[in-house]
Amino acid sequence: MSGSKIKTVLIDLSGTIHIDDQEIHNSKDSLKRLRSQNVNVKYVTNTTKESKKCLLNKLNGIGFDIKPSEIFTSLTAARELIEKIGLRPLMIVDDRALEDFEGIQTDNPNAVLIGLAPDKFNYKTMNTAFRLIQDGCPLIAIHKARYYKKTDELALGPGPFVTALEYATDTTSHIVGKPEASFFLSSVEEFNCQPEECVMIGDDVRDDIGGAQKTGMLGILVRT
């Protein structure tokens, strides 16, 4: 690995280059320097609170110059899985993320899809999910982060709610986002490069760095 040249740089978003609507100090300048190098750049994120379009508008509103093709989200990975298997999920996701699932059938659910959806983590919705899983429907977690960084504090991620459903139903969820190897490998597939030619920059030592390293990629942890 030490002799491999880095061809692709994967960069996390929230907590790495921005927090909510604020740039993390010097992120823009650092990205400009990176773009001057002969490497592929891909922004990979577990963000499930908003659609890819909403996320892109936010980032460019902050002042980042990011193209739609440069973003790979766990919502994208989740939709690919749903379409591949032919699922009709009960969607416990934020309303702002629903745009990325337009056209997906949800009548008579045969699966449970869960992301970060604070307004939907209530007893009624969780109990509906519990009953579906008890009847044999698979539980799909867009990701299982324990918490995430807000402007001035940490907040619960979807992981604790996924774990509650796993515990109550004695099942294991299928995770599609970071730190799953399939997520990292799918994000670089278009570049035709090997994992040892990639580096992942992120703020989560487990989901960003640990997940990437398990595929053979290098990892750089930023300590926000």
Protein backbone atom coordinates (compact mmCIF):
# COMPACT_ATOMS: atom_id res chain seq x y z
CA MET A 1 0.00 0.00 0.00
CA SER A 2 2.84 2.38 0.77
CA GLY A 3 3.87 2.35 -2.87
CA SER A 4 0.41 3.11 -4.25
CA LYS A 5 -0.41 6.53 -5.61
CA ILE A 6 -3.62 8.12 -4.34
CA LYS A 7 -6.03 8.49 -7.26
CA THR A 8 -9.34 9.14 -5.45
CA VAL A 9 -10.19 11.17 -2.36
CA LEU A 10 -13.47 10.54 -0.55
CA ILE A 11 -14.65 13.35 1.71
CA ASP A 12 -17.37 13.28 4.34
CA LEU A 13 -19.61 16.34 4.52
CA SER A 14 -21.29 17.13 7.85
CA GLY A 15 -18.67 17.51 10.57
CA THR A 16 -15.84 17.46 8.03
CA ILE A 17 -16.31 20.47 5.72
CA HIS A 18 -19.45 22.01 7.27
CA ILE A 19 -21.74 21.91 10.30
CA ASP A 20 -25.33 22.81 9.46
CA ASP A 21 -25.08 26.08 7.45
CA GLN A 22 -21.55 26.96 8.49
CA GLU A 23 -18.26 26.16 6.77
CA ILE A 24 -15.65 24.48 8.93
CA HIS A 25 -12.69 26.88 9.00
CA ASN A 26 -10.50 26.73 5.86
CA SER A 27 -12.54 23.92 4.23
CA LYS A 28 -13.09 25.86 1.00
CA ASP A 29 -9.41 26.72 0.61
CA SER A 30 -8.41 23.14 1.37
CA LEU A 31 -10.78 21.80 -1.28
CA LYS A 32 -9.45 24.28 -3.84
CA ARG A 33 -5.91 23.04 -3.20
CA LEU A 34 -7.08 19.45 -3.48
CA ARG A 35 -8.82 20.12 -6.79
CA SER A 36 -5.58 21.47 -8.19
CA GLN A 37 -4.11 17.98 -7.82
CA ASN A 38 -4.67 15.21 -10.35
CA VAL A 39 -7.09 13.17 -8.24
CA ASN A 40 -10.77 12.21 -8.33
CA VAL A 41 -12.90 13.81 -5.61
CA LYS A 42 -16.14 12.32 -4.30
CA TYR A 43 -18.24 13.56 -1.38
CA VAL A 44 -19.72 10.63 0.50
CA THR A 45 -22.29 11.13 3.20
CA ASN A 46 -24.68 9.26 5.47
CA THR A 47 -26.89 12.34 5.65
CA THR A 48 -30.54 11.25 5.45
CA LYS A 49 -32.31 14.39 6.69
CA GLU A 50 -32.59 15.87 3.20
CA SER A 51 -32.56 14.87 -0.44
CA LYS A 52 -29.45 15.09 -2.58
CA LYS A 53 -30.87 18.21 -4.27
CA CYS A 54 -31.55 19.94 -0.92
CA LEU A 55 -28.09 18.99 0.32
CA LEU A 56 -26.44 20.34 -2.83
CA ASN A 57 -28.35 23.63 -2.56
CA LYS A 58 -27.23 23.99 1.05
CA LEU A 59 -23.58 23.29 0.27
CA ASN A 60 -23.44 25.65 -2.67
CA GLY A 61 -25.31 28.23 -0.60
CA ILE A 62 -22.48 28.07 1.94
CA GLY A 63 -20.08 28.72 -0.92
CA PHE A 64 -18.82 25.28 -1.90
CA ASP A 65 -18.57 24.56 -5.61
CA ILE A 66 -19.88 20.98 -5.79
CA LYS A 67 -21.48 19.22 -8.76
CA PRO A 68 -24.40 16.75 -8.37
CA SER A 69 -22.26 13.95 -9.81
CA GLU A 70 -19.69 14.47 -7.05
CA ILE A 71 -22.07 13.49 -4.23
CA PHE A 72 -22.78 9.89 -3.25
CA THR A 73 -25.28 9.49 -0.41
CA SER A 74 -26.62 6.63 1.65
CA LEU A 75 -30.08 7.55 0.29
CA THR A 76 -28.80 6.71 -3.19
CA ALA A 77 -27.47 3.38 -1.94
CA ALA A 78 -30.78 2.65 -0.18
CA ARG A 79 -32.83 3.35 -3.30
CA GLU A 80 -30.58 1.09 -5.38
CA LEU A 81 -31.14 -1.74 -2.89
CA ILE A 82 -34.92 -1.20 -2.78
CA GLU A 83 -35.20 -1.27 -6.56
CA LYS A 84 -32.90 -4.27 -6.89
CA ILE A 85 -34.91 -6.41 -4.47
CA GLY A 86 -38.32 -4.96 -5.36
CA LEU A 87 -39.31 -3.73 -1.90
CA ARG A 88 -42.28 -1.58 -0.84
CA PRO A 89 -40.93 -0.01 2.34
CA LEU A 90 -42.55 1.63 5.30
CA MET A 91 -40.38 4.74 5.06
CA ILE A 92 -39.27 6.19 8.38
CA VAL A 93 -37.28 9.02 6.81
CA ASP A 94 -37.41 12.79 7.01
CA ASP A 95 -39.93 14.40 4.62
CA ARG A 96 -37.08 16.38 3.05
CA ALA A 97 -35.47 13.11 1.94
CA LEU A 98 -38.55 11.67 0.22
CA GLU A 99 -37.64 13.35 -3.08
CA ASP A 100 -34.86 10.79 -3.52
CA PHE A 101 -37.42 7.96 -3.35
CA GLU A 102 -39.89 9.38 -5.86
CA GLY A 103 -41.63 6.56 -7.74
CA ILE A 104 -40.93 3.91 -5.08
CA GLN A 105 -44.08 1.97 -4.19
CA THR A 106 -44.98 2.07 -0.49
CA ASP A 107 -48.50 0.56 -0.43
CA ASN A 108 -48.85 -2.69 1.54
CA PRO A 109 -45.27 -2.48 2.89
CA ASN A 110 -43.04 -5.56 2.78
CA ALA A 111 -39.99 -3.91 4.41
CA VAL A 112 -39.03 -1.20 6.90
CA LEU A 113 -36.61 1.55 5.83
CA ILE A 114 -35.27 3.78 8.58
CA GLY A 115 -33.03 6.86 8.46
CA LEU A 116 -32.69 9.99 10.57
CA ALA A 117 -36.29 11.14 11.06
CA PRO A 118 -36.66 12.87 14.46
CA ASP A 119 -40.30 13.84 13.86
CA LYS A 120 -41.23 10.22 13.09
CA PHE A 121 -39.50 8.49 15.98
CA ASN A 122 -42.72 8.17 17.95
CA TYR A 123 -44.43 5.17 19.53
CA LYS A 124 -47.08 4.74 16.82
CA THR A 125 -44.63 4.67 13.92
CA MET A 126 -42.08 2.52 15.74
CA ASN A 127 -44.80 0.09 16.77
CA THR A 128 -46.00 -0.20 13.16
CA ALA A 129 -42.42 -0.98 12.13
CA PHE A 130 -42.14 -3.51 14.96
CA ARG A 131 -45.23 -5.39 13.78
CA LEU A 132 -44.06 -5.51 10.16
CA ILE A 133 -40.68 -6.90 11.18
CA GLN A 134 -42.37 -9.41 13.47
CA ASP A 135 -44.33 -10.59 10.43
CA GLY A 136 -41.09 -11.24 8.55
CA CYS A 137 -40.39 -7.94 6.76
CA PRO A 138 -36.68 -7.01 6.54
CA LEU A 139 -35.34 -4.03 8.48
CA ILE A 140 -33.13 -1.80 6.33
CA ALA A 141 -31.09 0.90 8.05
CA ILE A 142 -29.88 3.68 5.77
CA HIS A 143 -27.13 3.96 8.36
CA LYS A 144 -26.71 3.27 12.05
CA ALA A 145 -24.87 6.33 13.36
CA ARG A 146 -25.13 6.75 17.13
CA TYR A 147 -25.15 10.55 16.98
CA TYR A 148 -24.32 13.51 14.75
CA LYS A 149 -22.96 17.03 15.22
CA LYS A 150 -25.31 19.99 15.24
CA THR A 151 -24.12 23.60 15.47
CA ASP A 152 -23.71 23.66 19.24
CA GLU A 153 -24.34 20.11 20.42
CA LEU A 154 -24.51 16.41 19.61
CA ALA A 155 -27.87 14.80 18.78
CA LEU A 156 -29.11 11.23 18.57
CA GLY A 157 -28.70 9.57 15.19
CA PRO A 158 -30.89 6.77 13.80
CA GLY A 159 -28.68 4.03 15.27
CA PRO A 160 -30.37 3.88 18.69
CA PHE A 161 -33.80 3.56 17.05
CA VAL A 162 -32.61 0.86 14.66
CA THR A 163 -31.10 -0.99 17.61
CA ALA A 164 -34.40 -0.73 19.51
CA LEU A 165 -36.23 -2.45 16.64
CA GLU A 166 -33.50 -5.09 16.38
CA TYR A 167 -33.77 -5.79 20.10
CA ALA A 168 -37.56 -5.91 20.15
CA THR A 169 -37.81 -8.24 17.13
CA ASP A 170 -34.63 -10.29 17.68
CA THR A 171 -33.47 -9.51 14.13
CA THR A 172 -30.47 -7.85 12.52
CA SER A 173 -30.84 -4.87 10.21
CA HIS A 174 -29.31 -4.61 6.75
CA ILE A 175 -27.16 -1.46 6.71
CA VAL A 176 -26.54 0.29 3.40
CA GLY A 177 -24.51 3.39 4.34
CA LYS A 178 -21.16 3.88 6.04
CA PRO A 179 -19.37 1.91 7.47
CA GLU A 180 -20.47 -0.87 5.10
CA ALA A 181 -17.81 -1.92 2.59
CA SER A 182 -20.34 -1.97 -0.26
CA PHE A 183 -21.02 1.74 0.25
CA PHE A 184 -17.35 2.76 -0.09
CA LEU A 185 -16.72 0.46 -3.04
CA SER A 186 -19.84 1.66 -4.88
CA SER A 187 -18.80 5.29 -4.41
CA VAL A 188 -15.52 4.78 -6.32
CA GLU A 189 -16.74 2.27 -8.89
CA GLU A 190 -16.87 4.86 -11.69
CA PHE A 191 -13.18 5.72 -11.24
CA ASN A 192 -11.85 2.22 -11.95
CA CYS A 193 -9.34 2.37 -9.10
CA GLN A 194 -8.31 -0.03 -6.35
CA PRO A 195 -9.13 0.58 -2.65
CA GLU A 196 -5.46 1.08 -1.82
CA GLU A 197 -5.45 4.00 -4.29
CA CYS A 198 -8.18 5.78 -2.29
CA VAL A 199 -8.23 7.83 0.89
CA MET A 200 -11.24 8.68 3.06
CA ILE A 201 -11.33 11.97 5.01
CA GLY A 202 -13.94 12.17 7.75
CA ASP A 203 -14.78 13.04 11.35
CA ASP A 204 -16.17 9.68 12.52
CA VAL A 205 -13.46 7.24 13.54
CA ARG A 206 -15.77 4.24 13.21
CA ASP A 207 -18.11 4.96 10.29
CA ASP A 208 -15.73 7.03 8.12
CA ILE A 209 -12.22 5.87 8.93
CA GLY A 210 -12.79 2.34 10.22
CA GLY A 211 -15.21 1.50 7.44
CA ALA A 212 -12.87 2.74 4.72
CA GLN A 213 -9.84 1.00 6.19
CA LYS A 214 -11.63 -2.35 6.22
CA THR A 215 -11.90 -2.11 2.42
CA GLY A 216 -8.18 -1.38 2.11
CA MET A 217 -8.48 2.38 1.78
CA LEU A 218 -6.43 4.87 3.77
CA GLY A 219 -8.16 7.05 6.35
CA ILE A 220 -7.60 10.62 7.58
CA LEU A 221 -9.50 11.67 10.70
CA VAL A 222 -10.43 15.31 11.24
CA ARG A 223 -11.13 16.11 14.87
CA THR A 224 -14.17 18.37 14.82
